[in-house]
Amino acid sequence: MVLPEQVEPADPALDKPTAHASALRLTLASPLYRGATLAVFLSALGFSAAAPQIATFLVNDLHASLTAAGLFYLTNLAAPVAGFLVGRRSDRTGRRLGLFRVCAAAGFVGWIGIAYSTELWMPYVISAVVGGFGGAATSQLFAAVHDELKAHPGPNNDGVVAVVRMALTGGWVVGPVAGSFLAAQTSLRTMLVATAVCTLAQIVPLGALRTAPAAPAGPGDAPGAGHRGPGLRAMLPLLAFTGLYVLVYAGEPVKYAYLPLYMNDQLHFPAGLSGAVIGIQPLVEIVLMPVAVVVARRTGMMELMVLGAGFGVAANVCFAVTGNAAGLFAGQILMGGVWGVFATLGIIVAQRLLPTAVATASAIFMSSTALASALGGAAGGTGAAAIGLPRVFLIPAALALLAVAGLAVMARSTDRHR
């Protein structure tokens, strides 16, 4: 017998004045916020465990060439399409958590299929067809959180989003280490099965919880039949912002591909020092995420993002020209500043740029990392062959500089329309 889903009751703690309630207290008081925080941690834990190992799996277990293994990441280009389709459906029906569960189940099926693949073509097809829908689960959670925050306005609402987003970052801190350990102790296939389990397990913290359909954003915006969603013109600010975010994020695949090679092959750093350089960024990021919310209230979110993109320029210049441990540590600390700002505020800005379709906005924004990975991988591979290490880091520095200019224009435009 199938039990009916429970509609989340009104939370008395959220109906009281929230001026003195911290973001953490608000998060813990709500079944939705608390469940979403645990869910995104599990999702990030699983995905980040597999991400550094998938190329090794393709080469060692399925006998792919290094070139073929690198091309696997191009399957991520299907993610924005899948995310857009899921987001449009979510905004049409207003029911976020049902689609979240469907996407999580699709992700589970996809990772299980990859883990038990016997032919090289199988992971590519599975990732392109199913993987994008699995990745859309997180965007549905952020849309559901947005709806609840809108229904219970308060001064610390942005802080709640920051807490949930910090859990996502926390998963990325733990996942790569856990994935490497599990693969070493068992096998790469077992590690991929564990990723599948984590992807499905993100459903558990929310249980049978069901939220009410999203409230309409304005006249004619009520979800349901006949709701056509935003047109291209309404989406242009969101698309512009997402494109600029892609330029900033494109430096990450370049860094993770070539910074370890640079430290090991040219600078001859010991393993402990290389690990410390790589590991300092997420620690700085987590510390700065709640600070970014506080600072943004004073400066404005878009203005703070201009500064964050500027940190990206400086970080990549440090990688390109310093040639010593101090310079690389400085670059990674600056990069922690980049993501302390963008990881916290990016989803909030994206949803505000398309307030009539927050699920679509969330899906488009969050799937942009796949585009950035493809752009960064192509730019880094071409640049490394043409100008070598460490000058290849000047390419993401130039991309981040373009983002600084674009975000500055958007910030001025936002100020004029206030």
Protein backbone atom coordinates (compact mmCIF):
# COMPACT_ATOMS: atom_id res chain seq x y z
CA MET A 1 0.00 0.00 0.00
CA VAL A 2 1.36 3.39 -0.96
CA LEU A 3 1.10 5.97 1.76
CA PRO A 4 0.02 9.47 0.74
CA GLU A 5 2.70 12.11 0.83
CA GLN A 6 2.57 14.46 3.76
CA VAL A 7 2.16 18.14 3.10
CA GLU A 8 4.59 20.11 5.22
CA PRO A 9 2.64 21.80 7.99
CA ALA A 10 3.11 25.45 8.67
CA ASP A 11 6.14 25.76 10.88
CA PRO A 12 5.39 27.95 13.89
CA ALA A 13 9.03 28.91 14.16
CA LEU A 14 8.87 30.38 10.67
CA ASP A 15 5.69 32.34 11.35
CA LYS A 16 7.31 34.30 14.16
CA PRO A 17 9.38 37.41 13.57
CA THR A 18 12.77 36.29 12.30
CA ALA A 19 14.79 39.41 12.97
CA HIS A 20 16.71 37.65 15.75
CA ALA A 21 16.68 34.11 14.32
CA SER A 22 19.96 33.10 12.75
CA ALA A 23 20.09 31.49 9.32
CA LEU A 24 21.29 28.25 10.91
CA ARG A 25 18.37 28.23 13.35
CA LEU A 26 15.91 28.84 10.55
CA THR A 27 17.45 26.00 8.56
CA LEU A 28 17.23 23.54 11.44
CA ALA A 29 13.66 24.57 12.29
CA SER A 30 12.24 23.75 8.85
CA PRO A 31 11.90 20.14 7.60
CA LEU A 32 12.35 21.43 4.05
CA TYR A 33 15.48 23.51 4.69
CA ARG A 34 17.01 20.83 6.91
CA GLY A 35 16.22 18.07 4.45
CA ALA A 36 17.50 20.08 1.48
CA THR A 37 20.78 20.74 3.31
CA LEU A 38 21.38 17.03 3.92
CA ALA A 39 20.22 16.12 0.42
CA VAL A 40 22.60 18.45 -1.41
CA PHE A 41 25.47 17.24 0.78
CA LEU A 42 24.77 13.63 -0.21
CA SER A 43 24.43 14.58 -3.88
CA ALA A 44 27.72 16.50 -3.89
CA LEU A 45 29.45 13.76 -1.89
CA GLY A 46 28.56 11.14 -4.50
CA PHE A 47 29.24 13.19 -7.59
CA SER A 48 32.53 14.64 -6.37
CA ALA A 49 33.74 11.16 -5.41
CA ALA A 50 33.25 9.98 -8.98
CA ALA A 51 34.32 13.09 -10.90
CA PRO A 52 38.11 12.72 -10.45
CA GLN A 53 37.94 8.94 -11.01
CA ILE A 54 35.75 8.61 -14.10
CA ALA A 55 38.58 9.08 -16.60
CA THR A 56 40.69 6.47 -14.78
CA PHE A 57 37.72 4.08 -14.89
CA LEU A 58 37.33 4.56 -18.64
CA VAL A 59 41.04 3.97 -19.28
CA ASN A 60 41.67 1.11 -16.84
CA ASP A 61 38.39 -0.79 -16.93
CA LEU A 62 37.05 -0.07 -20.41
CA HIS A 63 40.42 0.42 -22.16
CA ALA A 64 39.72 3.89 -23.52
CA SER A 65 42.53 6.03 -24.88
CA LEU A 66 43.45 9.19 -22.98
CA THR A 67 41.84 11.26 -25.75
CA ALA A 68 38.61 9.25 -25.60
CA ALA A 69 38.53 9.55 -21.82
CA GLY A 70 38.87 13.32 -22.09
CA LEU A 71 35.99 13.50 -24.55
CA PHE A 72 33.70 11.94 -21.92
CA TYR A 73 33.32 15.35 -20.29
CA LEU A 74 31.66 16.67 -23.44
CA THR A 75 28.61 14.59 -22.48
CA ASN A 76 28.03 17.28 -19.85
CA LEU A 77 26.83 19.54 -22.66
CA ALA A 78 23.50 17.71 -22.49
CA ALA A 79 23.00 18.86 -18.89
CA PRO A 80 21.78 22.41 -19.69
CA VAL A 81 19.15 21.00 -22.07
CA ALA A 82 17.92 18.48 -19.50
CA GLY A 83 17.96 21.12 -16.77
CA PHE A 84 15.94 23.53 -18.91
CA LEU A 85 13.31 20.88 -19.69
CA VAL A 86 12.97 19.91 -16.04
CA GLY A 87 12.86 23.54 -14.94
CA ARG A 88 10.14 24.43 -17.43
CA ARG A 89 8.08 21.45 -16.27
CA SER A 90 8.60 22.44 -12.63
CA ASP A 91 7.52 26.02 -13.25
CA ARG A 92 4.48 24.82 -15.20
CA THR A 93 3.24 22.53 -12.42
CA GLY A 94 4.71 24.32 -9.40
CA ARG A 95 5.55 20.97 -7.76
CA ARG A 96 9.27 20.88 -7.09
CA LEU A 97 9.85 17.86 -4.85
CA GLY A 98 8.12 15.35 -7.11
CA LEU A 99 10.48 16.24 -9.94
CA PHE A 100 13.39 16.24 -7.50
CA ARG A 101 12.66 12.60 -6.63
CA VAL A 102 12.29 11.61 -10.28
CA CYS A 103 15.61 13.28 -11.15
CA ALA A 104 17.39 11.65 -8.19
CA ALA A 105 16.10 8.24 -9.29
CA ALA A 106 17.28 8.95 -12.85
CA GLY A 107 20.71 9.83 -11.51
CA PHE A 108 20.83 6.57 -9.58
CA VAL A 109 19.97 4.57 -12.70
CA GLY A 110 22.60 6.47 -14.69
CA TRP A 111 25.45 5.84 -12.24
CA ILE A 112 24.50 2.17 -11.85
CA GLY A 113 24.53 1.85 -15.64
CA ILE A 114 27.98 3.43 -15.85
CA ALA A 115 29.32 1.26 -13.02
CA TYR A 116 28.29 -1.94 -14.80
CA SER A 117 29.18 -0.85 -18.33
CA THR A 118 30.97 -3.47 -20.38
CA GLU A 119 31.49 -1.51 -23.61
CA LEU A 120 33.19 1.85 -24.01
CA TRP A 121 30.23 3.52 -25.70
CA MET A 122 27.87 2.77 -22.82
CA PRO A 123 29.04 5.42 -20.28
CA TYR A 124 28.97 8.10 -22.99
CA VAL A 125 25.39 7.37 -24.02
CA ILE A 126 24.18 6.94 -20.43
CA SER A 127 25.81 10.18 -19.30
CA ALA A 128 24.45 12.18 -22.24
CA VAL A 129 20.90 10.80 -22.06
CA VAL A 130 20.33 10.22 -18.34
CA GLY A 131 23.07 12.08 -16.49
CA GLY A 132 21.73 15.57 -17.21
CA PHE A 133 18.35 14.73 -15.70
CA GLY A 134 20.02 13.32 -12.59
CA GLY A 135 21.96 16.54 -12.17
CA ALA A 136 18.75 18.60 -12.29
CA ALA A 137 17.66 17.27 -8.87
CA THR A 138 19.66 19.89 -6.96
CA SER A 139 18.16 22.78 -8.91
CA GLN A 140 14.68 21.58 -7.91
CA LEU A 141 15.67 21.69 -4.25
CA PHE A 142 16.87 25.27 -4.57
CA ALA A 143 13.61 26.17 -6.31
CA ALA A 144 11.61 24.58 -3.46
CA VAL A 145 13.71 26.44 -0.87
CA HIS A 146 13.12 29.69 -2.78
CA ASP A 147 9.35 29.14 -2.74
CA GLU A 148 9.34 28.55 1.01
CA LEU A 149 11.54 31.58 1.71
CA LYS A 150 9.25 33.73 -0.41
CA ALA A 151 6.26 32.51 1.63
CA HIS A 152 8.08 33.39 4.87
CA PRO A 153 10.04 36.61 4.18
CA GLY A 154 12.74 37.55 6.64
CA PRO A 155 16.08 39.34 6.88
CA ASN A 156 18.07 36.09 7.13
CA ASN A 157 16.55 34.31 4.14
CA ASP A 158 19.68 34.73 2.03
CA GLY A 159 21.58 33.17 4.91
CA VAL A 160 19.42 30.05 4.65
CA VAL A 161 20.41 29.69 1.00
CA ALA A 162 24.03 30.14 2.07
CA VAL A 163 23.72 27.33 4.63
CA VAL A 164 22.27 24.96 2.01
CA ARG A 165 24.95 25.98 -0.47
CA MET A 166 27.67 25.42 2.14
CA ALA A 167 26.47 21.83 2.46
CA LEU A 168 26.96 21.44 -1.29
CA THR A 169 30.52 22.75 -0.97
CA GLY A 170 31.09 20.49 2.05
CA GLY A 171 30.22 17.49 -0.08
CA TRP A 172 32.85 18.55 -2.61
CA VAL A 173 35.44 18.82 0.17
CA VAL A 174 34.83 15.29 1.47
CA GLY A 175 33.87 13.49 -1.74
CA PRO A 176 37.17 13.37 -3.68
CA VAL A 177 39.06 12.03 -0.66
CA ALA A 178 36.36 9.47 0.13
CA GLY A 179 36.14 8.40 -3.50
CA SER A 180 39.89 7.92 -3.84
CA PHE A 181 40.03 5.89 -0.63
CA LEU A 182 37.09 3.67 -1.58
CA ALA A 183 38.45 3.05 -5.08
CA ALA A 184 41.87 2.13 -3.66
CA GLN A 185 40.38 -0.24 -1.08
CA THR A 186 37.83 -1.88 -3.39
CA SER A 187 37.52 -1.02 -7.08
CA LEU A 188 36.46 1.80 -9.36
CA ARG A 189 33.19 0.04 -10.13
CA THR A 190 32.39 -0.23 -6.42
CA MET A 191 33.11 3.48 -6.02
CA LEU A 192 30.68 4.28 -8.86
CA VAL A 193 28.01 2.11 -7.21
CA ALA A 194 28.56 4.13 -4.01
CA THR A 195 28.02 7.30 -6.04
CA ALA A 196 24.73 5.85 -7.29
CA VAL A 197 23.68 5.07 -3.72
CA CYS A 198 24.48 8.62 -2.58
CA THR A 199 22.49 10.01 -5.51
CA LEU A 200 19.42 8.00 -4.54
CA ALA A 201 19.95 8.56 -0.80
CA GLN A 202 19.41 12.30 -1.22
CA ILE A 203 15.68 11.49 -1.32
CA VAL A 204 15.77 10.13 2.25
CA PRO A 205 16.24 13.38 4.26
CA LEU A 206 13.06 14.82 2.72
CA GLY A 207 11.06 11.63 3.25
CA ALA A 208 7.49 11.95 1.98
CA LEU A 209 7.52 15.73 2.39
CA ARG A 210 5.51 17.63 -0.16
CA THR A 211 5.32 21.39 -0.52
CA ALA A 212 2.36 23.31 -1.80
CA PRO A 213 2.52 24.33 -5.48
CA ALA A 214 4.58 27.47 -6.04
CA ALA A 215 2.61 30.66 -5.66
CA PRO A 216 2.20 32.74 -8.82
CA ALA A 217 4.76 35.49 -9.26
CA GLY A 218 2.26 37.85 -10.79
CA PRO A 219 -0.93 38.05 -12.85
CA GLY A 220 -1.10 35.23 -15.33
CA ASP A 221 1.87 33.43 -13.81
CA ALA A 222 0.00 30.74 -11.89
CA PRO A 223 1.30 27.27 -12.63
CA GLY A 224 -0.92 24.89 -14.50
CA ALA A 225 -2.28 24.33 -17.93
CA GLY A 226 -1.65 27.16 -20.29
CA HIS A 227 1.38 28.45 -18.43
CA ARG A 228 3.88 28.92 -21.24
CA GLY A 229 6.84 30.06 -19.21
CA PRO A 230 9.10 33.06 -19.83
CA GLY A 231 10.04 34.11 -23.31
CA LEU A 232 13.55 34.67 -24.59
CA ARG A 233 13.47 38.41 -23.90
CA ALA A 234 12.58 37.86 -20.25
CA MET A 235 15.39 35.34 -19.96
CA LEU A 236 18.12 37.52 -21.47
CA PRO A 237 19.42 38.94 -18.15
CA LEU A 238 19.61 35.43 -16.70
CA LEU A 239 21.36 34.10 -19.80
CA ALA A 240 23.84 36.99 -19.75
CA PHE A 241 24.61 36.43 -16.07
CA THR A 242 24.99 32.68 -16.61
CA GLY A 243 27.34 33.30 -19.52
CA LEU A 244 29.51 35.52 -17.35
CA TYR A 245 29.50 32.88 -14.63
CA VAL A 246 30.71 30.36 -17.23
CA LEU A 247 33.68 32.63 -17.99
CA VAL A 248 34.61 32.71 -14.31
CA TYR A 249 34.10 28.97 -13.75
CA ALA A 250 36.07 27.97 -16.86
CA GLY A 251 39.28 28.45 -14.87
CA GLU A 252 38.44 25.54 -12.56
CA PRO A 253 38.97 22.68 -15.04
CA VAL A 254 42.16 24.37 -16.23
CA LYS A 255 43.40 24.61 -12.67
CA TYR A 256 42.55 21.06 -11.66
CA ALA A 257 44.02 19.64 -14.84
CA TYR A 258 47.29 21.57 -14.94
CA LEU A 259 48.11 22.97 -11.50
CA PRO A 260 49.00 19.51 -10.08
CA LEU A 261 51.12 18.78 -13.17
CA TYR A 262 52.86 22.14 -12.81
CA MET A 263 53.60 21.58 -9.12
CA ASN A 264 54.80 18.01 -9.56
CA ASP A 265 56.66 18.08 -12.88
CA GLN A 266 58.15 21.58 -13.01
CA LEU A 267 58.27 22.85 -9.42
CA HIS A 268 58.93 19.38 -7.94
CA PHE A 269 56.85 20.00 -4.84
CA PRO A 270 56.55 17.12 -2.36
CA ALA A 271 53.14 15.45 -2.30
CA GLY A 272 52.19 16.99 1.04
CA LEU A 273 52.86 20.52 -0.17
CA SER A 274 50.92 19.97 -3.42
CA GLY A 275 48.00 18.59 -1.44
CA ALA A 276 48.05 21.57 0.90
CA VAL A 277 47.95 23.99 -2.05
CA ILE A 278 44.96 22.21 -3.59
CA GLY A 279 43.16 21.75 -0.28
CA ILE A 280 43.30 25.32 1.00
CA GLN A 281 40.75 26.67 -1.50
CA PRO A 282 37.62 24.85 -0.25
CA LEU A 283 38.50 25.70 3.34
CA VAL A 284 38.73 29.40 2.52
CA GLU A 285 35.53 29.12 0.48
CA ILE A 286 33.49 27.64 3.33
CA VAL A 287 34.73 30.28 5.77
CA LEU A 288 33.88 33.13 3.40
CA MET A 289 30.42 31.95 2.29
CA PRO A 290 28.48 33.35 5.29
CA VAL A 291 30.64 36.47 5.18
CA ALA A 292 29.62 37.05 1.55
CA VAL A 293 25.95 37.25 2.54
CA VAL A 294 26.67 39.90 5.16
CA VAL A 295 28.89 41.97 2.86
CA ALA A 296 26.42 41.73 -0.04
CA ARG A 297 23.72 43.40 2.09
CA ARG A 298 25.94 46.48 2.26
CA THR A 299 27.50 46.52 -1.20
CA GLY A 300 24.91 44.78 -3.39
CA MET A 301 25.24 41.26 -4.75
CA MET A 302 26.23 42.14 -8.29
CA GLU A 303 28.85 44.63 -7.09
CA LEU A 304 30.38 41.98 -4.83
CA MET A 305 30.48 39.57 -7.76
CA VAL A 306 32.51 42.09 -9.74
CA LEU A 307 35.07 41.95 -6.94
CA GLY A 308 34.84 38.14 -6.85
CA ALA A 309 35.59 37.88 -10.57
CA GLY A 310 38.51 40.25 -10.01
CA PHE A 311 39.86 37.78 -7.45
CA GLY A 312 39.71 35.18 -10.23
CA VAL A 313 41.89 37.35 -12.47
CA ALA A 314 44.44 37.85 -9.69
CA ALA A 315 44.43 34.15 -8.73
CA ASN A 316 45.21 32.94 -12.24
CA VAL A 317 47.92 35.58 -12.65
CA CYS A 318 49.50 34.22 -9.45
CA PHE A 319 49.48 30.72 -10.93
CA ALA A 320 51.00 31.98 -14.18
CA VAL A 321 53.84 34.19 -12.95
CA THR A 322 54.90 33.47 -9.35
CA GLY A 323 56.58 30.06 -9.66
CA ASN A 324 56.79 29.35 -5.92
CA ALA A 325 54.69 27.89 -3.12
CA ALA A 326 53.79 31.27 -1.63
CA GLY A 327 52.42 32.50 -4.96
CA LEU A 328 50.36 29.35 -5.49
CA PHE A 329 48.96 29.54 -1.96
CA ALA A 330 48.03 33.17 -2.61
CA GLY A 331 46.33 32.17 -5.84
CA GLN A 332 44.33 29.43 -4.12
CA ILE A 333 43.29 31.76 -1.29
CA LEU A 334 42.09 34.28 -3.87
CA MET A 335 40.25 31.47 -5.66
CA GLY A 336 38.58 30.61 -2.37
CA GLY A 337 37.38 34.23 -2.35
CA VAL A 338 35.96 33.78 -5.86
CA TRP A 339 33.83 30.82 -4.86
CA GLY A 340 32.99 32.15 -1.43
CA VAL A 341 31.13 34.87 -3.36
CA PHE A 342 29.82 33.05 -6.42
CA ALA A 343 28.87 29.77 -4.75
CA THR A 344 26.79 31.64 -2.19
CA LEU A 345 25.20 34.42 -4.21
CA GLY A 346 25.05 32.99 -7.73
CA ILE A 347 21.86 30.97 -7.29
CA ILE A 348 20.17 33.85 -5.46
CA VAL A 349 20.97 36.32 -8.25
CA ALA A 350 19.89 33.85 -10.94
CA GLN A 351 16.49 33.33 -9.30
CA ARG A 352 15.98 37.08 -8.91
CA LEU A 353 16.77 37.66 -12.57
CA LEU A 354 13.88 35.37 -13.55
CA PRO A 355 11.43 35.60 -10.62
CA THR A 356 8.47 34.23 -12.59
CA ALA A 357 10.24 30.90 -13.27
CA VAL A 358 12.68 30.17 -10.46
CA ALA A 359 13.01 26.46 -11.26
CA THR A 360 14.01 27.29 -14.83
CA ALA A 361 16.44 29.91 -13.53
CA SER A 362 17.93 27.46 -11.03
CA ALA A 363 18.31 24.72 -13.62
CA ILE A 364 19.92 26.96 -16.22
CA PHE A 365 22.32 28.47 -13.72
CA MET A 366 23.36 25.23 -12.04
CA SER A 367 23.85 23.34 -15.31
CA SER A 368 26.17 26.09 -16.53
CA THR A 369 29.07 24.37 -14.78
CA ALA A 370 28.90 21.69 -17.48
CA LEU A 371 29.33 24.33 -20.19
CA ALA A 372 32.17 25.90 -18.23
CA SER A 373 33.91 22.52 -17.89
CA ALA A 374 33.71 22.01 -21.65
CA LEU A 375 34.96 25.55 -22.35
CA GLY A 376 37.75 25.33 -19.79
CA GLY A 377 38.81 21.89 -20.96
CA ALA A 378 39.01 22.99 -24.59
CA ALA A 379 40.75 26.28 -23.78
CA GLY A 380 43.18 24.64 -21.37
CA GLY A 381 44.09 21.81 -23.72
CA THR A 382 44.67 24.17 -26.63
CA GLY A 383 46.53 26.69 -24.49
CA ALA A 384 48.79 24.14 -22.81
CA ALA A 385 49.87 22.85 -26.23
CA ALA A 386 50.41 26.37 -27.61
CA ILE A 387 52.02 28.31 -24.74
CA GLY A 388 52.78 25.63 -22.13
CA LEU A 389 52.82 25.71 -18.35
CA PRO A 390 52.39 27.89 -16.38
CA ARG A 391 51.42 30.50 -18.98
CA VAL A 392 48.25 28.54 -19.77
CA PHE A 393 46.74 30.14 -16.64
CA LEU A 394 46.73 33.49 -18.44
CA ILE A 395 43.81 32.16 -20.50
CA PRO A 396 41.40 31.78 -17.54
CA ALA A 397 42.73 35.11 -16.24
CA ALA A 398 41.62 36.75 -19.51
CA LEU A 399 38.23 35.02 -19.34
CA ALA A 400 37.72 36.22 -15.76
CA LEU A 401 38.67 39.75 -16.85
CA LEU A 402 35.89 39.63 -19.47
CA ALA A 403 33.53 38.55 -16.68
CA VAL A 404 34.61 41.51 -14.55
CA ALA A 405 33.67 43.89 -17.35
CA GLY A 406 30.35 42.17 -18.04
CA LEU A 407 29.33 42.00 -14.38
CA ALA A 408 30.24 45.67 -13.93
CA VAL A 409 27.87 46.55 -16.78
CA MET A 410 25.12 44.42 -15.24
CA ALA A 411 25.70 46.01 -11.83
CA ARG A 412 25.31 49.52 -13.28
CA SER A 413 22.19 48.44 -15.14
CA THR A 414 20.74 46.98 -11.95
CA ASP A 415 21.44 50.20 -10.06
CA ARG A 416 19.64 52.26 -12.73
CA HIS A 417 16.51 50.12 -12.46
CA ARG A 418 16.29 50.20 -8.66
